[in-house]
Amino acid sequence: MKRSKRLLSEWRTLSSENMKEKTLGIIGGMGPEATVYFLKKITKATHVEKDQDHIHIVIDSNPKIPDRTKYICENGPSPLPSLVKSLKQLECFGVDLIAIPCNTAHYFIDDLRAETKIEIISILETTRDYIKEEYPKIRNVGLLATSGTLESKIYQKTFSNTKYNVLTPKKEEQKKLMENIYNKIKRGKVEEAQSSIKDLCEKMIKRGSDLIVTGCTEIPLVLENIQLSVPIIDPMEVTANYIVRRIKSNSNEK
């Protein structure tokens, strides 16, 4: 009996401490390496003195979620039911914010937002706002992304009320990019894709891109240590920094 009371008291104390800072939920697994990369970016963005200073994160990493591009471009099975299931799992854990480290999955963000009262942070919207703030004078945004992202025009729609033009690869270039994403990066052969994707970036720059947005969450794995003549904008890193600022600023206000 005494032990039960002590455990209950400890749980209440822990719950009270956790209430001081928001908990992040991540709908992950699309693909698993991209989820790990996103988590690393969050960890790196968090300035800490001890383990307890890090953000409380709940991850539902489900690599069984149907392929987003196959649904958009080839009428494959819908990922939405699996995405909603992950969302509901995170709801059960009491998360306060949700992020999705998969650009193409943002095709479904309006449907997901309709399923919950929890705020879902958009990688695309966060990236747009970052570019508007940090690069107000540029005109052309070069976008490297999956064919599903390009076909759905989710980046173009996100940037539609701005002065920016979204430039995309040519048809054959896009085909080669998809081969690199699916046959190399997703299979762990990151180094094999570096030369080809760097060449594509340089072609995009020659055609007027003032910066390159890595609009597929696997592409930053390739370009992480590559230098170009224009800035490389990693939506994963931008969003990770934004989330840390949001959570830590709210915590400090309390």
Foldseek 3Di string as FASTA:
>chain_A
DVVVVVVVVVVVVVVVVLVLFFEEEEEAPLPPVLVVVLVVLLVVLQDDDDPVSHHHYHYDHDVPQDDLQCCQPVVDDHSVVVSLVSVVVVVVVPGQEYEYSFLLCCLCVVVNVVSDPHHYDHLLLLLLVVCCVPPVPAAEEEEDAAVSCVSSVPNCVSCVPDRHDYDYDDPVLNVVSNCCVPVAQVVPNLQVCQVSVVVRVVVVVVVPHQEYEHSGSSVCVRCVPPDDPHYYHYSSSSVSNVVSCVRVVSSVVD
